[in-house]
Amino acid sequence: MIYWIDAGVLIQAARGTYRFKMIPQFWQFVHTQSVAGTIRMPRLAYEEITDGGYDDQLVAWCKSRKQIGLCRNARATRS
């Protein structure tokens, strides 16, 4: 099964209770599941984070994972 996440999931996590330094296990889990193809993010949600005018750890984290599932064309990869 594939789970599609929106930008709000990662934005709330990074700026809320799952900050990178506080809960690195969350970020490792999302990374691992992205590599496995279980978690994906549509291109529009990815761009909401990366093109939103911020230059923070979340933007860098997403950009470094663009090719592993955090930037997909939802129509072309439906499962």
N, C-alpha and C. Protein backbone atom coordinates (compact mmCIF):
# COMPACT_ATOMS: atom_id res chain seq x y z
N MET A 1 0.83 -1.17 0.00
CA MET A 1 0.00 0.00 0.00
C MET A 1 0.88 1.24 0.00
N ILE A 2 0.44 2.25 -0.71
CA ILE A 2 1.17 3.52 -0.78
C ILE A 2 0.39 4.59 -0.02
N TYR A 3 1.10 5.34 0.80
CA TYR A 3 0.50 6.43 1.55
C TYR A 3 1.03 7.75 0.99
N TRP A 4 0.12 8.60 0.56
CA TRP A 4 0.48 9.91 0.03
C TRP A 4 0.36 10.92 1.16
N ILE A 5 1.41 11.70 1.38
CA ILE A 5 1.37 12.72 2.42
C ILE A 5 1.37 14.11 1.79
N ASP A 6 0.79 15.04 2.49
CA ASP A 6 0.80 16.41 1.99
C ASP A 6 1.84 17.22 2.75
N ALA A 7 2.04 18.42 2.31
CA ALA A 7 3.07 19.28 2.91
C ALA A 7 2.82 19.53 4.39
N GLY A 8 1.57 19.64 4.77
CA GLY A 8 1.22 19.92 6.16
C GLY A 8 1.76 18.90 7.14
N VAL A 9 1.84 17.65 6.73
CA VAL A 9 2.37 16.60 7.61
C VAL A 9 3.80 16.93 8.01
N LEU A 10 4.62 17.25 7.03
CA LEU A 10 6.03 17.53 7.33
C LEU A 10 6.24 18.91 7.94
N ILE A 11 5.46 19.88 7.52
CA ILE A 11 5.57 21.22 8.10
C ILE A 11 5.22 21.19 9.58
N GLN A 12 4.10 20.56 9.91
CA GLN A 12 3.70 20.48 11.32
C GLN A 12 4.72 19.70 12.14
N ALA A 13 5.23 18.62 11.56
CA ALA A 13 6.22 17.81 12.28
C ALA A 13 7.49 18.62 12.55
N ALA A 14 8.00 19.29 11.52
CA ALA A 14 9.27 20.02 11.65
C ALA A 14 9.17 21.22 12.58
N ARG A 15 8.01 21.82 12.64
CA ARG A 15 7.85 23.03 13.45
C ARG A 15 7.12 22.76 14.76
N GLY A 16 6.72 21.51 14.95
CA GLY A 16 5.97 21.14 16.15
C GLY A 16 6.72 20.14 17.00
N THR A 17 6.02 19.10 17.37
CA THR A 17 6.56 18.14 18.33
C THR A 17 7.54 17.14 17.75
N TYR A 18 7.70 17.09 16.45
CA TYR A 18 8.63 16.14 15.82
C TYR A 18 9.82 16.84 15.19
N ARG A 19 10.30 17.89 15.83
CA ARG A 19 11.46 18.62 15.31
C ARG A 19 12.62 17.68 15.06
N PHE A 20 13.45 18.03 14.10
CA PHE A 20 14.54 17.16 13.67
C PHE A 20 15.43 16.70 14.82
N LYS A 21 15.81 17.61 15.69
CA LYS A 21 16.71 17.26 16.78
C LYS A 21 16.00 16.54 17.92
N MET A 22 14.69 16.75 18.06
CA MET A 22 13.95 16.14 19.17
C MET A 22 13.57 14.69 18.87
N ILE A 23 13.08 14.44 17.67
CA ILE A 23 12.60 13.10 17.31
C ILE A 23 13.20 12.69 15.96
N PRO A 24 14.48 12.42 15.90
CA PRO A 24 15.09 12.03 14.62
C PRO A 24 14.54 10.70 14.09
N GLN A 25 13.97 9.89 14.98
CA GLN A 25 13.40 8.61 14.55
C GLN A 25 12.24 8.82 13.57
N PHE A 26 11.45 9.86 13.76
CA PHE A 26 10.35 10.16 12.85
C PHE A 26 10.88 10.42 11.45
N TRP A 27 11.91 11.24 11.36
CA TRP A 27 12.48 11.62 10.07
C TRP A 27 13.15 10.43 9.41
N GLN A 28 13.78 9.57 10.19
CA GLN A 28 14.38 8.35 9.64
C GLN A 28 13.29 7.42 9.12
N PHE A 29 12.18 7.34 9.84
CA PHE A 29 11.06 6.50 9.41
C PHE A 29 10.49 7.00 8.08
N VAL A 30 10.26 8.29 7.97
CA VAL A 30 9.73 8.84 6.71
C VAL A 30 10.72 8.59 5.58
N HIS A 31 11.99 8.79 5.83
CA HIS A 31 13.02 8.54 4.82
C HIS A 31 13.00 7.07 4.38
N THR A 32 13.03 6.16 5.34
CA THR A 32 13.05 4.73 5.04
C THR A 32 11.82 4.31 4.25
N GLN A 33 10.67 4.81 4.64
CA GLN A 33 9.44 4.45 3.94
C GLN A 33 9.38 5.08 2.54
N SER A 34 10.00 6.24 2.38
CA SER A 34 10.08 6.85 1.05
C SER A 34 10.94 6.02 0.12
N VAL A 35 12.08 5.56 0.63
CA VAL A 35 12.97 4.71 -0.15
C VAL A 35 12.25 3.42 -0.54
N ALA A 36 11.47 2.88 0.38
CA ALA A 36 10.74 1.64 0.14
C ALA A 36 9.54 1.84 -0.80
N GLY A 37 9.16 3.09 -1.02
CA GLY A 37 8.02 3.37 -1.89
C GLY A 37 6.69 3.36 -1.19
N THR A 38 6.70 3.26 0.14
CA THR A 38 5.47 3.22 0.91
C THR A 38 4.89 4.61 1.13
N ILE A 39 5.76 5.59 1.31
CA ILE A 39 5.33 6.98 1.50
C ILE A 39 5.79 7.80 0.30
N ARG A 40 4.86 8.56 -0.23
CA ARG A 40 5.17 9.45 -1.35
C ARG A 40 4.54 10.81 -1.11
N MET A 41 5.07 11.80 -1.79
CA MET A 41 4.53 13.15 -1.70
C MET A 41 4.30 13.67 -3.12
N PRO A 42 3.10 14.16 -3.39
CA PRO A 42 2.85 14.72 -4.72
C PRO A 42 3.73 15.95 -4.98
N ARG A 43 4.03 16.17 -6.24
CA ARG A 43 4.88 17.28 -6.64
C ARG A 43 4.38 18.62 -6.09
N LEU A 44 3.08 18.85 -6.12
CA LEU A 44 2.55 20.13 -5.62
C LEU A 44 2.82 20.32 -4.13
N ALA A 45 2.71 19.26 -3.36
CA ALA A 45 3.00 19.35 -1.93
C ALA A 45 4.49 19.59 -1.70
N TYR A 46 5.32 18.90 -2.47
CA TYR A 46 6.77 19.10 -2.39
C TYR A 46 7.12 20.56 -2.68
N GLU A 47 6.54 21.09 -3.73
CA GLU A 47 6.82 22.48 -4.12
C GLU A 47 6.28 23.47 -3.09
N GLU A 48 5.23 23.11 -2.39
CA GLU A 48 4.72 23.98 -1.33
C GLU A 48 5.78 24.18 -0.25
N ILE A 49 6.54 23.15 0.03
CA ILE A 49 7.61 23.25 1.02
C ILE A 49 8.84 23.92 0.43
N THR A 50 9.29 23.45 -0.71
CA THR A 50 10.58 23.89 -1.24
C THR A 50 10.53 25.26 -1.92
N ASP A 51 9.37 25.67 -2.40
CA ASP A 51 9.24 26.96 -3.07
C ASP A 51 8.50 27.99 -2.22
N GLY A 52 8.36 27.71 -0.92
CA GLY A 52 7.57 28.56 -0.05
C GLY A 52 8.29 29.77 0.51
N GLY A 53 9.53 29.98 0.11
CA GLY A 53 10.27 31.14 0.59
C GLY A 53 11.07 30.90 1.86
N TYR A 54 11.07 29.67 2.34
CA TYR A 54 11.86 29.34 3.52
C TYR A 54 13.17 28.71 3.10
N ASP A 55 14.16 28.85 3.94
CA ASP A 55 15.45 28.20 3.72
C ASP A 55 15.84 27.57 5.05
N ASP A 56 15.15 26.51 5.39
CA ASP A 56 15.37 25.89 6.69
C ASP A 56 15.70 24.41 6.53
N GLN A 57 15.79 23.72 7.64
CA GLN A 57 16.17 22.31 7.63
C GLN A 57 15.14 21.45 6.89
N LEU A 58 13.87 21.79 6.99
CA LEU A 58 12.84 21.02 6.29
C LEU A 58 13.01 21.12 4.78
N VAL A 59 13.27 22.30 4.28
CA VAL A 59 13.48 22.49 2.84
C VAL A 59 14.68 21.66 2.38
N ALA A 60 15.78 21.74 3.10
CA ALA A 60 16.98 20.97 2.75
C ALA A 60 16.71 19.48 2.80
N TRP A 61 15.99 19.04 3.82
CA TRP A 61 15.68 17.63 3.98
C TRP A 61 14.84 17.12 2.81
N CYS A 62 13.84 17.87 2.42
CA CYS A 62 12.99 17.47 1.29
C CYS A 62 13.76 17.47 -0.02
N LYS A 63 14.54 18.51 -0.25
CA LYS A 63 15.30 18.59 -1.50
C LYS A 63 16.27 17.43 -1.65
N SER A 64 16.86 17.01 -0.55
CA SER A 64 17.82 15.90 -0.61
C SER A 64 17.13 14.56 -0.83
N ARG A 65 15.82 14.53 -0.74
CA ARG A 65 15.06 13.29 -0.92
C ARG A 65 14.09 13.36 -2.09
N LYS A 66 14.28 14.32 -2.94
CA LYS A 66 13.38 14.52 -4.07
C LYS A 66 13.25 13.28 -4.94
N GLN A 67 14.34 12.62 -5.21
CA GLN A 67 14.34 11.49 -6.13
C GLN A 67 13.86 10.18 -5.52
N ILE A 68 13.65 10.15 -4.21
CA ILE A 68 13.25 8.88 -3.58
C ILE A 68 11.79 8.84 -3.17
N GLY A 69 10.98 9.72 -3.69
CA GLY A 69 9.56 9.62 -3.39
C GLY A 69 8.92 10.89 -2.89
N LEU A 70 9.71 11.89 -2.54
CA LEU A 70 9.09 13.09 -2.00
C LEU A 70 8.80 14.13 -3.07
N CYS A 71 8.70 13.70 -4.29
CA CYS A 71 8.31 14.61 -5.36
C CYS A 71 7.84 13.74 -6.53
N ARG A 72 6.59 13.37 -6.51
CA ARG A 72 6.07 12.47 -7.53
C ARG A 72 4.88 13.08 -8.25
N ASN A 73 4.75 12.72 -9.49
CA ASN A 73 3.55 13.05 -10.24
C ASN A 73 2.51 12.01 -9.86
N ALA A 74 1.52 12.39 -9.11
CA ALA A 74 0.54 11.44 -8.57
C ALA A 74 -0.18 10.67 -9.66
N ARG A 75 -0.46 11.27 -10.76
CA ARG A 75 -1.20 10.59 -11.83
C ARG A 75 -0.38 9.48 -12.47
N ALA A 76 0.90 9.68 -12.60
CA ALA A 76 1.74 8.72 -13.29
C ALA A 76 2.14 7.53 -12.39
N THR A 77 1.95 7.66 -11.08
CA THR A 77 2.43 6.62 -10.18
C THR A 77 1.33 6.04 -9.31
N ARG A 78 0.13 6.07 -9.74
CA ARG A 78 -0.96 5.51 -8.92
C ARG A 78 -0.79 4.02 -8.76
N SER A 79 -1.07 3.57 -7.54
CA SER A 79 -1.01 2.13 -7.24
C SER A 79 -2.14 1.77 -6.33
